[in-house]
Amino acid sequence: PEAISFYQQAFALNPRDINVSTDLGTALWYAGRPDEALAQYEKSLAIDPAHAQTLFNVGIVRADGKHDYPGAIAAWDNLLKVNPAYPDVAKVRSLMAEARTKS
């Protein structure tokens, strides 16, 4: 939670920095604020709709924070479509399979 204000300040200084934006979303997620995390990830995806880490994180928050398994699957499916060489494809496919069983 302490990192959130620092990420907010950094993002305010450079609102096109996708890594800061995504890290802010992650800090919000770890602080137990999934709706705000998803809103921040939407800002990240407005900067770069194919940003792999953001798409991966959206899936995590949708699955674990919101129990929105179809939304998580959609995020991870999009991740693999726009990043076919994603290095952790096996993990993503495993998470998708797990989400399918829960939905």
PDB file of N, CA and C in Angstrom:
ATOM      1  N   PRO A   1       0.804  -1.227   0.000  1.00  0.00           N
ATOM      2  CA  PRO A   1       0.000   0.000   0.000  1.00  0.00           C
ATOM      3  C   PRO A   1       0.839   1.280   0.000  1.00  0.00           C
ATOM      4  N   GLU A   2       2.010   1.214   0.637  1.00  0.00           N
ATOM      5  CA  GLU A   2       2.861   2.412   0.689  1.00  0.00           C
ATOM      6  C   GLU A   2       3.349   2.823  -0.698  1.00  0.00           C
ATOM      7  N   ALA A   3       3.478   1.875  -1.591  1.00  0.00           N
ATOM      8  CA  ALA A   3       4.002   2.174  -2.928  1.00  0.00           C
ATOM      9  C   ALA A   3       2.988   2.898  -3.803  1.00  0.00           C
ATOM     10  N   ILE A   4       1.712   2.790  -3.477  1.00  0.00           N
ATOM     11  CA  ILE A   4       0.677   3.343  -4.353  1.00  0.00           C
ATOM     12  C   ILE A   4       0.880   4.824  -4.601  1.00  0.00           C
ATOM     13  N   SER A   5       1.109   5.600  -3.551  1.00  0.00           N
ATOM     14  CA  SER A   5       1.255   7.050  -3.753  1.00  0.00           C
ATOM     15  C   SER A   5       2.483   7.381  -4.594  1.00  0.00           C
ATOM     16  N   PHE A   6       3.542   6.602  -4.447  1.00  0.00           N
ATOM     17  CA  PHE A   6       4.737   6.858  -5.262  1.00  0.00           C
ATOM     18  C   PHE A   6       4.479   6.531  -6.734  1.00  0.00           C
ATOM     19  N   TYR A   7       3.792   5.428  -6.968  1.00  0.00           N
ATOM     20  CA  TYR A   7       3.436   5.098  -8.353  1.00  0.00           C
ATOM     21  C   TYR A   7       2.474   6.129  -8.931  1.00  0.00           C
ATOM     22  N   GLN A   8       1.538   6.604  -8.129  1.00  0.00           N
ATOM     23  CA  GLN A   8       0.609   7.629  -8.615  1.00  0.00           C
ATOM     24  C   GLN A   8       1.363   8.897  -9.003  1.00  0.00           C
ATOM     25  N   GLN A   9       2.322   9.282  -8.191  1.00  0.00           N
ATOM     26  CA  GLN A   9       3.120  10.475  -8.498  1.00  0.00           C
ATOM     27  C   GLN A   9       3.929  10.266  -9.775  1.00  0.00           C
ATOM     28  N   ALA A  10       4.559   9.105  -9.895  1.00  0.00           N
ATOM     29  CA  ALA A  10       5.359   8.827 -11.089  1.00  0.00           C
ATOM     30  C   ALA A  10       4.478   8.783 -12.335  1.00  0.00           C
ATOM     31  N   PHE A  11       3.294   8.191 -12.211  1.00  0.00           N
ATOM     32  CA  PHE A  11       2.393   8.111 -13.360  1.00  0.00           C
ATOM     33  C   PHE A  11       1.873   9.498 -13.736  1.00  0.00           C
ATOM     34  N   ALA A  12       1.642  10.344 -12.742  1.00  0.00           N
ATOM     35  CA  ALA A  12       1.195  11.714 -13.022  1.00  0.00           C
ATOM     36  C   ALA A  12       2.270  12.486 -13.787  1.00  0.00           C
ATOM     37  N   LEU A  13       3.524  12.217 -13.485  1.00  0.00           N
ATOM     38  CA  LEU A  13       4.630  12.887 -14.172  1.00  0.00           C
ATOM     39  C   LEU A  13       4.804  12.383 -15.602  1.00  0.00           C
ATOM     40  N   ASN A  14       4.507  11.107 -15.820  1.00  0.00           N
ATOM     41  CA  ASN A  14       4.659  10.530 -17.149  1.00  0.00           C
ATOM     42  C   ASN A  14       3.507   9.559 -17.409  1.00  0.00           C
ATOM     43  N   PRO A  15       2.356  10.083 -17.816  1.00  0.00           N
ATOM     44  CA  PRO A  15       1.170   9.238 -18.001  1.00  0.00           C
ATOM     45  C   PRO A  15       1.235   8.311 -19.217  1.00  0.00           C
ATOM     46  N   ARG A  16       2.345   8.297 -19.923  1.00  0.00           N
ATOM     47  CA  ARG A  16       2.519   7.373 -21.052  1.00  0.00           C
ATOM     48  C   ARG A  16       3.458   6.221 -20.692  1.00  0.00           C
ATOM     49  N   ASP A  17       3.908   6.172 -19.449  1.00  0.00           N
ATOM     50  CA  ASP A  17       4.820   5.113 -19.012  1.00  0.00           C
ATOM     51  C   ASP A  17       4.000   3.887 -18.630  1.00  0.00           C
ATOM     52  N   ILE A  18       3.917   2.959 -19.547  1.00  0.00           N
ATOM     53  CA  ILE A  18       3.072   1.790 -19.335  1.00  0.00           C
ATOM     54  C   ILE A  18       3.544   0.934 -18.180  1.00  0.00           C
ATOM     55  N   ASN A  19       4.847   0.868 -17.959  1.00  0.00           N
ATOM     56  CA  ASN A  19       5.349   0.037 -16.863  1.00  0.00           C
ATOM     57  C   ASN A  19       4.967   0.613 -15.507  1.00  0.00           C
ATOM     58  N   VAL A  20       5.041   1.917 -15.366  1.00  0.00           N
ATOM     59  CA  VAL A  20       4.619   2.552 -14.113  1.00  0.00           C
ATOM     60  C   VAL A  20       3.118   2.370 -13.936  1.00  0.00           C
ATOM     61  N   SER A  21       2.370   2.538 -15.011  1.00  0.00           N
ATOM     62  CA  SER A  21       0.924   2.372 -14.945  1.00  0.00           C
ATOM     63  C   SER A  21       0.549   0.959 -14.508  1.00  0.00           C
ATOM     64  N   THR A  22       1.179  -0.025 -15.115  1.00  0.00           N
ATOM     65  CA  THR A  22       0.892  -1.415 -14.769  1.00  0.00           C
ATOM     66  C   THR A  22       1.341  -1.735 -13.353  1.00  0.00           C
ATOM     67  N   ASP A  23       2.485  -1.216 -12.953  1.00  0.00           N
ATOM     68  CA  ASP A  23       2.944  -1.437 -11.578  1.00  0.00           C
ATOM     69  C   ASP A  23       2.004  -0.783 -10.570  1.00  0.00           C
ATOM     70  N   LEU A  24       1.441   0.358 -10.912  1.00  0.00           N
ATOM     71  CA  LEU A  24       0.448   0.992 -10.045  1.00  0.00           C
ATOM     72  C   LEU A  24      -0.769   0.082  -9.912  1.00  0.00           C
ATOM     73  N   GLY A  25      -1.227  -0.474 -11.019  1.00  0.00           N
ATOM     74  CA  GLY A  25      -2.342  -1.413 -10.965  1.00  0.00           C
ATOM     75  C   GLY A  25      -2.028  -2.607 -10.086  1.00  0.00           C
ATOM     76  N   THR A  26      -0.818  -3.101 -10.172  1.00  0.00           N
ATOM     77  CA  THR A  26      -0.412  -4.245  -9.362  1.00  0.00           C
ATOM     78  C   THR A  26      -0.362  -3.880  -7.880  1.00  0.00           C
ATOM     79  N   ALA A  27       0.134  -2.691  -7.573  1.00  0.00           N
ATOM     80  CA  ALA A  27       0.148  -2.235  -6.175  1.00  0.00           C
ATOM     81  C   ALA A  27      -1.278  -2.134  -5.639  1.00  0.00           C
ATOM     82  N   LEU A  28      -2.188  -1.636  -6.460  1.00  0.00           N
ATOM     83  CA  LEU A  28      -3.592  -1.556  -6.048  1.00  0.00           C
ATOM     84  C   LEU A  28      -4.166  -2.950  -5.802  1.00  0.00           C
ATOM     85  N   TRP A  29      -3.822  -3.888  -6.666  1.00  0.00           N
ATOM     86  CA  TRP A  29      -4.287  -5.263  -6.507  1.00  0.00           C
ATOM     87  C   TRP A  29      -3.787  -5.851  -5.183  1.00  0.00           C
ATOM     88  N   TYR A  30      -2.493  -5.686  -4.923  1.00  0.00           N
ATOM     89  CA  TYR A  30      -1.924  -6.233  -3.684  1.00  0.00           C
ATOM     90  C   TYR A  30      -2.459  -5.530  -2.447  1.00  0.00           C
ATOM     91  N   ALA A  31      -2.975  -4.329  -2.626  1.00  0.00           N
ATOM     92  CA  ALA A  31      -3.572  -3.598  -1.502  1.00  0.00           C
ATOM     93  C   ALA A  31      -5.037  -3.993  -1.302  1.00  0.00           C
ATOM     94  N   GLY A  32      -5.524  -4.947  -2.082  1.00  0.00           N
ATOM     95  CA  GLY A  32      -6.894  -5.413  -1.924  1.00  0.00           C
ATOM     96  C   GLY A  32      -7.922  -4.540  -2.607  1.00  0.00           C
ATOM     97  N   ARG A  33      -7.510  -3.859  -3.684  1.00  0.00           N
ATOM     98  CA  ARG A  33      -8.394  -2.950  -4.401  1.00  0.00           C
ATOM     99  C   ARG A  33      -8.525  -3.390  -5.869  1.00  0.00           C
ATOM    100  N   PRO A  34      -9.201  -4.524  -6.102  1.00  0.00           N
ATOM    101  CA  PRO A  34      -9.232  -5.076  -7.456  1.00  0.00           C
ATOM    102  C   PRO A  34      -9.922  -4.195  -8.485  1.00  0.00           C
ATOM    103  N   ASP A  35     -10.982  -3.497  -8.096  1.00  0.00           N
ATOM    104  CA  ASP A  35     -11.661  -2.635  -9.076  1.00  0.00           C
ATOM    105  C   ASP A  35     -10.755  -1.498  -9.533  1.00  0.00           C
ATOM    106  N   GLU A  36     -10.035  -0.921  -8.594  1.00  0.00           N
ATOM    107  CA  GLU A  36      -9.098   0.154  -8.951  1.00  0.00           C
ATOM    108  C   GLU A  36      -7.934  -0.393  -9.763  1.00  0.00           C
ATOM    109  N   ALA A  37      -7.502  -1.607  -9.445  1.00  0.00           N
ATOM    110  CA  ALA A  37      -6.430  -2.230 -10.225  1.00  0.00           C
ATOM    111  C   ALA A  37      -6.863  -2.407 -11.673  1.00  0.00           C
ATOM    112  N   LEU A  38      -8.071  -2.931 -11.870  1.00  0.00           N
ATOM    113  CA  LEU A  38      -8.567  -3.122 -13.232  1.00  0.00           C
ATOM    114  C   LEU A  38      -8.714  -1.794 -13.970  1.00  0.00           C
ATOM    115  N   ALA A  39      -9.164  -0.763 -13.271  1.00  0.00           N
ATOM    116  CA  ALA A  39      -9.283   0.564 -13.896  1.00  0.00           C
ATOM    117  C   ALA A  39      -7.912   1.070 -14.329  1.00  0.00           C
ATOM    118  N   GLN A  40      -6.898   0.829 -13.496  1.00  0.00           N
ATOM    119  CA  GLN A  40      -5.551   1.266 -13.856  1.00  0.00           C
ATOM    120  C   GLN A  40      -5.016   0.448 -15.027  1.00  0.00           C
ATOM    121  N   TYR A  41      -5.301  -0.849 -15.029  1.00  0.00           N
ATOM    122  CA  TYR A  41      -4.867  -1.670 -16.161  1.00  0.00           C
ATOM    123  C   TYR A  41      -5.518  -1.209 -17.460  1.00  0.00           C
ATOM    124  N   GLU A  42      -6.754  -0.716 -17.381  1.00  0.00           N
ATOM    125  CA  GLU A  42      -7.399  -0.179 -18.580  1.00  0.00           C
ATOM    126  C   GLU A  42      -6.618   1.034 -19.102  1.00  0.00           C
ATOM    127  N   LYS A  43      -6.101   1.836 -18.195  1.00  0.00           N
ATOM    128  CA  LYS A  43      -5.261   2.965 -18.618  1.00  0.00           C
ATOM    129  C   LYS A  43      -3.992   2.456 -19.289  1.00  0.00           C
ATOM    130  N   SER A  44      -3.428   1.392 -18.749  1.00  0.00           N
ATOM    131  CA  SER A  44      -2.233   0.803 -19.355  1.00  0.00           C
ATOM    132  C   SER A  44      -2.540   0.300 -20.760  1.00  0.00           C
ATOM    133  N   LEU A  45      -3.667  -0.393 -20.898  1.00  0.00           N
ATOM    134  CA  LEU A  45      -4.015  -0.943 -22.207  1.00  0.00           C
ATOM    135  C   LEU A  45      -4.376   0.142 -23.215  1.00  0.00           C
ATOM    136  N   ALA A  46      -4.779   1.312 -22.732  1.00  0.00           N
ATOM    137  CA  ALA A  46      -5.009   2.444 -23.640  1.00  0.00           C
ATOM    138  C   ALA A  46      -3.675   2.931 -24.214  1.00  0.00           C
ATOM    139  N   ILE A  47      -2.608   2.759 -23.453  1.00  0.00           N
ATOM    140  CA  ILE A  47      -1.272   3.131 -23.931  1.00  0.00           C
ATOM    141  C   ILE A  47      -0.766   2.087 -24.919  1.00  0.00           C
ATOM    142  N   ASP A  48      -0.918   0.813 -24.548  1.00  0.00           N
ATOM    143  CA  ASP A  48      -0.452  -0.289 -25.394  1.00  0.00           C
ATOM    144  C   ASP A  48      -1.384  -1.488 -25.200  1.00  0.00           C
ATOM    145  N   PRO A  49      -2.313  -1.698 -26.126  1.00  0.00           N
ATOM    146  CA  PRO A  49      -3.290  -2.776 -25.981  1.00  0.00           C
ATOM    147  C   PRO A  49      -2.688  -4.178 -26.004  1.00  0.00           C
ATOM    148  N   ALA A  50      -1.429  -4.303 -26.401  1.00  0.00           N
ATOM    149  CA  ALA A  50      -0.790  -5.614 -26.485  1.00  0.00           C
ATOM    150  C   ALA A  50       0.219  -5.841 -25.357  1.00  0.00           C
ATOM    151  N   HIS A  51       0.252  -4.972 -24.365  1.00  0.00           N
ATOM    152  CA  HIS A  51       1.247  -5.089 -23.295  1.00  0.00           C
ATOM    153  C   HIS A  51       1.036  -6.394 -22.527  1.00  0.00           C
ATOM    154  N   ALA A  52       2.000  -7.281 -22.646  1.00  0.00           N
ATOM    155  CA  ALA A  52       1.861  -8.644 -22.125  1.00  0.00           C
ATOM    156  C   ALA A  52       1.637  -8.679 -20.617  1.00  0.00           C
ATOM    157  N   GLN A  53       2.432  -7.955 -19.858  1.00  0.00           N
ATOM    158  CA  GLN A  53       2.295  -8.021 -18.399  1.00  0.00           C
ATOM    159  C   GLN A  53       0.942  -7.495 -17.941  1.00  0.00           C
ATOM    160  N   THR A  54       0.465  -6.453 -18.597  1.00  0.00           N
ATOM    161  CA  THR A  54      -0.845  -5.919 -18.236  1.00  0.00           C
ATOM    162  C   THR A  54      -1.941  -6.938 -18.522  1.00  0.00           C
ATOM    163  N   LEU A  55      -1.915  -7.541 -19.694  1.00  0.00           N
ATOM    164  CA  LEU A  55      -2.933  -8.532 -20.045  1.00  0.00           C
ATOM    165  C   LEU A  55      -2.882  -9.728 -19.091  1.00  0.00           C
ATOM    166  N   PHE A  56      -1.683 -10.156 -18.737  1.00  0.00           N
ATOM    167  CA  PHE A  56      -1.554 -11.249 -17.779  1.00  0.00           C
ATOM    168  C   PHE A  56      -2.180 -10.854 -16.445  1.00  0.00           C
ATOM    169  N   ASN A  57      -1.860  -9.655 -15.975  1.00  0.00           N
ATOM    170  CA  ASN A  57      -2.372  -9.189 -14.687  1.00  0.00           C
ATOM    171  C   ASN A  57      -3.885  -9.018 -14.689  1.00  0.00           C
ATOM    172  N   VAL A  58      -4.441  -8.544 -15.785  1.00  0.00           N
ATOM    173  CA  VAL A  58      -5.893  -8.407 -15.882  1.00  0.00           C
ATOM    174  C   VAL A  58      -6.541  -9.768 -15.652  1.00  0.00           C
ATOM    175  N   GLY A  59      -5.980 -10.800 -16.260  1.00  0.00           N
ATOM    176  CA  GLY A  59      -6.500 -12.135 -16.056  1.00  0.00           C
ATOM    177  C   GLY A  59      -6.443 -12.567 -14.603  1.00  0.00           C
ATOM    178  N   ILE A  60      -5.343 -12.295 -13.947  1.00  0.00           N
ATOM    179  CA  ILE A  60      -5.190 -12.662 -12.534  1.00  0.00           C
ATOM    180  C   ILE A  60      -6.238 -11.954 -11.677  1.00  0.00           C
ATOM    181  N   VAL A  61      -6.375 -10.652 -11.873  1.00  0.00           N
ATOM    182  CA  VAL A  61      -7.324  -9.895 -11.042  1.00  0.00           C
ATOM    183  C   VAL A  61      -8.759 -10.322 -11.345  1.00  0.00           C
ATOM    184  N   ARG A  62      -9.062 -10.531 -12.608  1.00  0.00           N
ATOM    185  CA  ARG A  62     -10.428 -10.972 -12.949  1.00  0.00           C
ATOM    186  C   ARG A  62     -10.718 -12.344 -12.318  1.00  0.00           C
ATOM    187  N   ALA A  63      -9.766 -13.258 -12.392  1.00  0.00           N
ATOM    188  CA  ALA A  63      -9.986 -14.602 -11.855  1.00  0.00           C
ATOM    189  C   ALA A  63      -9.984 -14.601 -10.328  1.00  0.00           C
ATOM    190  N   ASP A  64      -8.931 -14.087  -9.740  1.00  0.00           N
ATOM    191  CA  ASP A  64      -8.751 -14.213  -8.294  1.00  0.00           C
ATOM    192  C   ASP A  64      -9.465 -13.131  -7.493  1.00  0.00           C
ATOM    193  N   GLY A  65      -9.590 -11.953  -8.066  1.00  0.00           N
ATOM    194  CA  GLY A  65     -10.194 -10.850  -7.329  1.00  0.00           C
ATOM    195  C   GLY A  65     -11.677 -10.676  -7.569  1.00  0.00           C
ATOM    196  N   LYS A  66     -12.107 -10.983  -8.774  1.00  0.00           N
ATOM    197  CA  LYS A  66     -13.501 -10.732  -9.143  1.00  0.00           C
ATOM    198  C   LYS A  66     -14.275 -12.025  -9.417  1.00  0.00           C
ATOM    199  N   HIS A  67     -13.586 -13.147  -9.486  1.00  0.00           N
ATOM    200  CA  HIS A  67     -14.203 -14.431  -9.837  1.00  0.00           C
ATOM    201  C   HIS A  67     -14.942 -14.330 -11.180  1.00  0.00           C
ATOM    202  N   ASP A  68     -14.386 -13.495 -12.048  1.00  0.00           N
ATOM    203  CA  ASP A  68     -14.892 -13.316 -13.410  1.00  0.00           C
ATOM    204  C   ASP A  68     -14.037 -14.188 -14.320  1.00  0.00           C
ATOM    205  N   TYR A  69     -14.330 -15.487 -14.311  1.00  0.00           N
ATOM    206  CA  TYR A  69     -13.500 -16.431 -15.049  1.00  0.00           C
ATOM    207  C   TYR A  69     -13.584 -16.243 -16.556  1.00  0.00           C
ATOM    208  N   PRO A  70     -14.768 -15.968 -17.121  1.00  0.00           N
ATOM    209  CA  PRO A  70     -14.790 -15.686 -18.560  1.00  0.00           C
ATOM    210  C   PRO A  70     -13.952 -14.441 -18.921  1.00  0.00           C
ATOM    211  N   GLY A  71     -13.988 -13.426 -18.067  1.00  0.00           N
ATOM    212  CA  GLY A  71     -13.179 -12.230 -18.310  1.00  0.00           C
ATOM    213  C   GLY A  71     -11.693 -12.523 -18.223  1.00  0.00           C
ATOM    214  N   ALA A  72     -11.317 -13.383 -17.285  1.00  0.00           N
ATOM    215  CA  ALA A  72      -9.911 -13.768 -17.151  1.00  0.00           C
ATOM    216  C   ALA A  72      -9.454 -14.542 -18.381  1.00  0.00           C
ATOM    217  N   ILE A  73     -10.280 -15.488 -18.801  1.00  0.00           N
ATOM    218  CA  ILE A  73      -9.944 -16.282 -19.982  1.00  0.00           C
ATOM    219  C   ILE A  73      -9.801 -15.387 -21.206  1.00  0.00           C
ATOM    220  N   ALA A  74     -10.698 -14.424 -21.350  1.00  0.00           N
ATOM    221  CA  ALA A  74     -10.632 -13.503 -22.486  1.00  0.00           C
ATOM    222  C   ALA A  74      -9.332 -12.696 -22.459  1.00  0.00           C
ATOM    223  N   ALA A  75      -8.934 -12.230 -21.277  1.00  0.00           N
ATOM    224  CA  ALA A  75      -7.696 -11.453 -21.162  1.00  0.00           C
ATOM    225  C   ALA A  75      -6.493 -12.309 -21.539  1.00  0.00           C
ATOM    226  N   TRP A  76      -6.450 -13.533 -21.023  1.00  0.00           N
ATOM    227  CA  TRP A  76      -5.313 -14.408 -21.320  1.00  0.00           C
ATOM    228  C   TRP A  76      -5.325 -14.866 -22.766  1.00  0.00           C
ATOM    229  N   ASP A  77      -6.501 -15.092 -23.325  1.00  0.00           N
ATOM    230  CA  ASP A  77      -6.586 -15.457 -24.732  1.00  0.00           C
ATOM    231  C   ASP A  77      -6.058 -14.322 -25.599  1.00  0.00           C
ATOM    232  N   ASN A  78      -6.445 -13.099 -25.255  1.00  0.00           N
ATOM    233  CA  ASN A  78      -5.942 -11.929 -25.981  1.00  0.00           C
ATOM    234  C   ASN A  78      -4.424 -11.821 -25.830  1.00  0.00           C
ATOM    235  N   LEU A  79      -3.923 -12.070 -24.630  1.00  0.00           N
ATOM    236  CA  LEU A  79      -2.471 -12.047 -24.388  1.00  0.00           C
ATOM    237  C   LEU A  79      -1.756 -12.967 -25.363  1.00  0.00           C
ATOM    238  N   LEU A  80      -2.249 -14.182 -25.502  1.00  0.00           N
ATOM    239  CA  LEU A  80      -1.584 -15.144 -26.384  1.00  0.00           C
ATOM    240  C   LEU A  80      -1.765 -14.808 -27.857  1.00  0.00           C
ATOM    241  N   LYS A  81      -2.877 -14.168 -28.201  1.00  0.00           N
ATOM    242  CA  LYS A  81      -3.093 -13.773 -29.601  1.00  0.00           C
ATOM    243  C   LYS A  81      -2.153 -12.651 -30.019  1.00  0.00           C
ATOM    244  N   VAL A  82      -1.987 -11.654 -29.147  1.00  0.00           N
ATOM    245  CA  VAL A  82      -1.177 -10.492 -29.530  1.00  0.00           C
ATOM    246  C   VAL A  82       0.295 -10.657 -29.167  1.00  0.00           C
ATOM    247  N   ASN A  83       0.597 -11.687 -28.386  1.00  0.00           N
ATOM    248  CA  ASN A  83       1.981 -11.980 -28.009  1.00  0.00           C
ATOM    249  C   ASN A  83       2.245 -13.475 -28.203  1.00  0.00           C
ATOM    250  N   PRO A  84       2.257 -13.949 -29.453  1.00  0.00           N
ATOM    251  CA  PRO A  84       2.378 -15.391 -29.689  1.00  0.00           C
ATOM    252  C   PRO A  84       3.677 -16.005 -29.163  1.00  0.00           C
ATOM    253  N   ALA A  85       4.690 -15.202 -28.953  1.00  0.00           N
ATOM    254  CA  ALA A  85       5.962 -15.715 -28.434  1.00  0.00           C
ATOM    255  C   ALA A  85       6.088 -15.479 -26.925  1.00  0.00           C
ATOM    256  N   TYR A  86       4.971 -15.301 -26.252  1.00  0.00           N
ATOM    257  CA  TYR A  86       4.997 -15.062 -24.810  1.00  0.00           C
ATOM    258  C   TYR A  86       5.778 -16.193 -24.124  1.00  0.00           C
ATOM    259  N   PRO A  87       6.763 -15.834 -23.305  1.00  0.00           N
ATOM    260  CA  PRO A  87       7.654 -16.870 -22.762  1.00  0.00           C
ATOM    261  C   PRO A  87       7.003 -17.827 -21.763  1.00  0.00           C
ATOM    262  N   ASP A  88       5.921 -17.422 -21.140  1.00  0.00           N
ATOM    263  CA  ASP A  88       5.281 -18.259 -20.128  1.00  0.00           C
ATOM    264  C   ASP A  88       3.941 -18.794 -20.620  1.00  0.00           C
ATOM    265  N   VAL A  89       3.908 -19.190 -21.886  1.00  0.00           N
ATOM    266  CA  VAL A  89       2.657 -19.631 -22.504  1.00  0.00           C
ATOM    267  C   VAL A  89       2.066 -20.838 -21.769  1.00  0.00           C
ATOM    268  N   ALA A  90       2.900 -21.735 -21.280  1.00  0.00           N
ATOM    269  CA  ALA A  90       2.390 -22.919 -20.580  1.00  0.00           C
ATOM    270  C   ALA A  90       1.651 -22.517 -19.303  1.00  0.00           C
ATOM    271  N   LYS A  91       2.186 -21.559 -18.589  1.00  0.00           N
ATOM    272  CA  LYS A  91       1.527 -21.091 -17.373  1.00  0.00           C
ATOM    273  C   LYS A  91       0.180 -20.460 -17.713  1.00  0.00           C
ATOM    274  N   VAL A  92       0.142 -19.644 -18.773  1.00  0.00           N
ATOM    275  CA  VAL A  92      -1.103 -18.980 -19.177  1.00  0.00           C
ATOM    276  C   VAL A  92      -2.146 -20.027 -19.573  1.00  0.00           C
ATOM    277  N   ARG A  93      -1.740 -21.021 -20.331  1.00  0.00           N
ATOM    278  CA  ARG A  93      -2.685 -22.072 -20.735  1.00  0.00           C
ATOM    279  C   ARG A  93      -3.197 -22.847 -19.512  1.00  0.00           C
ATOM    280  N   SER A  94      -2.331 -23.060 -18.543  1.00  0.00           N
ATOM    281  CA  SER A  94      -2.739 -23.741 -17.316  1.00  0.00           C
ATOM    282  C   SER A  94      -3.754 -22.898 -16.535  1.00  0.00           C
ATOM    283  N   LEU A  95      -3.498 -21.595 -16.434  1.00  0.00           N
ATOM    284  CA  LEU A  95      -4.438 -20.700 -15.752  1.00  0.00           C
ATOM    285  C   LEU A  95      -5.778 -20.658 -16.476  1.00  0.00           C
ATOM    286  N   MET A  96      -5.730 -20.670 -17.813  1.00  0.00           N
ATOM    287  CA  MET A  96      -6.968 -20.669 -18.588  1.00  0.00           C
ATOM    288  C   MET A  96      -7.759 -21.951 -18.338  1.00  0.00           C
ATOM    289  N   ALA A  97      -7.086 -23.073 -18.297  1.00  0.00           N
ATOM    290  CA  ALA A  97      -7.762 -24.352 -18.059  1.00  0.00           C
ATOM    291  C   ALA A  97      -8.395 -24.355 -16.656  1.00  0.00           C
ATOM    292  N   GLU A  98      -7.665 -23.841 -15.685  1.00  0.00           N
ATOM    293  CA  GLU A  98      -8.186 -23.757 -14.323  1.00  0.00           C
ATOM    294  C   GLU A  98      -9.425 -22.858 -14.261  1.00  0.00           C
ATOM    295  N   ALA A  99      -9.360 -21.737 -14.969  1.00  0.00           N
ATOM    296  CA  ALA A  99     -10.493 -20.809 -14.987  1.00  0.00           C
ATOM    297  C   ALA A  99     -11.705 -21.444 -15.659  1.00  0.00           C
ATOM    298  N   ARG A 100     -11.456 -22.217 -16.693  1.00  0.00           N
ATOM    299  CA  ARG A 100     -12.572 -22.891 -17.386  1.00  0.00           C
ATOM    300  C   ARG A 100     -13.286 -23.859 -16.447  1.00  0.00           C
ATOM    301  N   THR A 101     -12.536 -24.540 -15.608  1.00  0.00           N
ATOM    302  CA  THR A 101     -13.185 -25.482 -14.682  1.00  0.00           C
ATOM    303  C   THR A 101     -13.970 -24.751 -13.608  1.00  0.00           C
ATOM    304  N   LYS A 102     -13.584 -23.532 -13.297  1.00  0.00           N
ATOM    305  CA  LYS A 102     -14.283 -22.761 -12.255  1.00  0.00           C
ATOM    306  C   LYS A 102     -15.496 -22.016 -12.790  1.00  0.00           C
ATOM    307  N   SER A 103     -15.522 -21.791 -14.119  1.00  0.00           N
ATOM    308  CA  SER A 103     -16.628 -21.008 -14.662  1.00  0.00           C
ATOM    309  C   SER A 103     -17.842 -21.845 -14.976  1.00  0.00           C
TER     310      SER A 103
END
